[in-house]
Protein backbone atom coordinates (compact mmCIF):
# COMPACT_ATOMS: atom_id res chain seq x y z
CA MET A 1 15.40 15.34 -0.16
CA PHE A 2 12.93 12.49 0.31
CA SER A 3 13.64 9.11 -1.26
CA LEU A 4 11.82 5.79 -0.85
CA GLU A 5 15.26 4.18 -0.74
CA GLN A 6 15.55 5.65 2.79
CA CYS A 7 12.28 3.99 3.83
CA THR A 8 11.39 0.41 4.69
CA LEU A 9 8.35 -1.43 3.40
CA ASN A 10 8.21 -4.92 4.83
CA LEU A 11 5.59 -7.35 3.54
CA ASN A 12 5.40 -10.80 5.13
CA GLY A 13 9.05 -10.54 6.17
CA HIS A 14 10.31 -9.32 2.78
CA ASN A 15 11.90 -5.86 2.59
CA VAL A 16 10.61 -4.34 -0.64
CA THR A 17 13.24 -2.91 -3.01
CA GLY A 18 13.29 -1.74 -6.60
CA TRP A 19 10.86 1.18 -6.37
CA SER A 20 9.66 2.73 -9.61
CA ASP A 21 10.55 6.36 -10.19
CA ASP A 22 6.87 7.38 -10.21
CA THR A 23 5.90 10.20 -7.86
CA ASP A 24 3.25 7.87 -6.41
CA ALA A 25 5.37 4.73 -6.07
CA ILE A 26 3.48 3.96 -2.85
CA SER A 27 0.10 5.23 -1.82
CA PHE A 28 -1.93 4.65 1.29
CA PRO A 29 -5.70 4.94 1.52
CA SER A 30 -7.44 7.99 2.85
CA ILE A 31 -9.50 6.71 5.75
CA ASP A 32 -12.70 8.42 6.82
CA ILE A 33 -12.71 8.62 10.61
CA ALA A 34 -16.13 10.26 10.91
CA THR A 35 -19.22 11.04 8.92
CA SER A 36 -21.34 14.14 9.21
CA LYS A 37 -24.91 14.60 7.99
CA ARG A 38 -27.32 17.53 8.09
CA GLY A 39 -31.01 16.97 8.51
CA ALA A 40 -33.86 18.93 6.99
CA ASP A 41 -33.86 21.15 10.08
CA GLY A 42 -30.20 22.07 9.41
CA LYS A 43 -28.84 20.30 12.49
CA LYS A 44 -25.69 18.29 12.03
CA VAL A 45 -25.20 14.75 13.31
CA THR A 46 -21.66 13.34 13.46
CA SER A 47 -20.66 9.73 14.04
CA SER A 48 -17.42 7.78 14.05
CA THR A 49 -16.78 5.21 11.35
CA GLY A 50 -15.33 1.77 11.84
CA GLU A 51 -13.23 2.04 8.67
CA LYS A 52 -9.56 1.48 9.43
CA GLY A 53 -8.22 -0.09 6.28
CA GLY A 54 -8.09 0.05 2.54
CA PRO A 55 -5.90 -0.53 -0.49
CA VAL A 56 -2.17 0.15 -0.49
CA VAL A 57 -0.71 0.52 -3.98
CA ILE A 58 2.98 -0.04 -4.70
CA LYS A 59 4.83 0.43 -7.98
CA LEU A 60 8.05 -1.43 -8.62
CA LEU A 61 10.59 -1.82 -11.38
CA ALA A 62 9.68 -4.79 -13.56
CA ASN A 63 12.99 -6.57 -12.98
CA SER A 64 13.27 -6.03 -9.20
CA LYS A 65 13.61 -8.85 -6.67
CA SER A 66 10.46 -7.60 -4.98
CA THR A 67 8.46 -7.88 -8.21
CA LYS A 68 9.59 -11.50 -8.45
CA PHE A 69 8.62 -12.06 -4.77
CA LEU A 70 5.14 -10.63 -5.33
CA MET A 71 4.62 -12.43 -8.65
CA ASN A 72 5.48 -15.72 -6.90
CA ALA A 73 2.73 -14.90 -4.40
CA VAL A 74 0.37 -14.17 -7.29
CA THR A 75 1.11 -17.61 -8.75
CA ALA A 76 0.48 -19.25 -5.37
CA GLN A 77 -2.80 -17.35 -4.99
CA GLN A 78 -3.89 -18.33 -8.51
CA ASN A 79 -3.15 -21.97 -7.64
CA GLY A 80 -5.48 -21.82 -4.64
CA SER A 81 -3.20 -20.79 -1.79
CA ALA A 82 -4.59 -18.25 0.64
CA VAL A 83 -1.94 -15.59 1.19
CA SER A 84 -2.62 -13.09 3.97
CA TRP A 85 -0.42 -9.99 3.92
CA ASN A 86 0.95 -8.18 6.95
CA GLY A 87 3.61 -5.54 7.08
CA PHE A 88 4.86 -2.12 8.00
CA PHE A 89 6.20 1.01 6.35
CA ARG A 90 8.78 3.21 8.07
CA ASP A 91 9.76 6.67 6.89
CA PRO A 92 12.68 7.77 9.11
CA VAL A 93 12.96 11.14 7.35
CA ASN A 94 9.45 12.25 8.30
CA GLY A 95 9.13 10.04 11.39
CA VAL A 96 6.06 8.13 10.21
CA THR A 97 5.29 4.43 10.64
CA VAL A 98 2.32 2.61 9.16
CA VAL A 99 1.29 -0.88 10.27
CA MET A 100 -0.81 -2.95 7.86
CA THR A 101 -2.60 -6.19 8.74
CA ASN A 102 -4.72 -8.88 7.12
CA GLY A 103 -4.27 -7.89 3.50
CA THR A 104 -5.35 -9.53 0.27
CA LEU A 105 -3.57 -9.05 -3.04
CA THR A 106 -6.37 -7.70 -5.21
CA ASN A 107 -4.77 -6.16 -8.31
CA VAL A 108 -1.67 -7.45 -10.04
CA PRO A 109 0.16 -6.77 -13.31
CA LEU A 110 -0.57 -9.94 -15.25
CA GLY A 111 -0.29 -8.25 -18.63
CA GLN A 112 2.77 -6.73 -20.23
CA THR A 113 3.14 -3.24 -21.64
CA MET A 114 6.37 -2.58 -23.49
CA GLY A 115 7.82 0.30 -25.41
CA LYS A 116 11.12 1.95 -26.22
CA GLY A 117 12.97 -1.22 -25.25
CA GLU A 118 11.80 -1.19 -21.62
CA VAL A 119 9.29 -3.33 -19.78
CA SER A 120 6.86 -1.14 -17.84
CA ASN A 121 6.80 -0.80 -14.07
CA LYS A 122 4.63 -3.21 -12.13
CA GLU A 123 1.76 -2.04 -9.92
CA PHE A 124 0.40 -4.15 -7.08
CA THR A 125 -2.60 -3.43 -4.86
CA ILE A 126 -3.03 -5.06 -1.45
CA ASP A 127 -6.30 -4.36 0.35
CA PHE A 128 -5.63 -4.35 4.10
CA GLU A 129 -8.22 -4.76 6.83
CA LEU A 130 -6.21 -2.36 9.00
CA VAL A 131 -3.86 0.44 7.93
CA ILE A 132 -2.78 2.16 11.13
CA PRO A 133 -0.47 5.20 10.84
CA ASP A 134 1.65 6.36 13.78
CA TYR A 135 2.52 10.04 13.59
CA SER A 136 3.90 10.31 17.13
CA GLY A 137 7.44 10.81 15.81
CA ALA A 138 6.43 12.94 12.83
CA ASN A 139 8.74 15.71 11.67
CA PHE A 140 6.24 17.79 9.71
């Protein structure tokens, strides 16, 4: 059975821990590798796109060490520091690696939502210039 606890997400040297129990605790962008258009004459024209990046969304437990790490980066960014994000994700179960470079933290959980005695999970979005998957060792 798949578990994110078996995987490694490393962001700027920090191994992320404390995943939420959401089914989409991490999501990678769908990247269009080509576009296709049909003209009035019905002929199709296909071209490659230069898009190789996009937003990566991670959801963490509110009290995890990784939430604290990311919130410290949020504070630094709010105080004027430029924080560029680089990292990788490794899924040894399915044999997939994703390398992410030149990211910017674009969406952070500054508000609080509470209920039933628990603080909600925290969702962070980092928009990467490059998100490059490697499926060469894939087991699917």
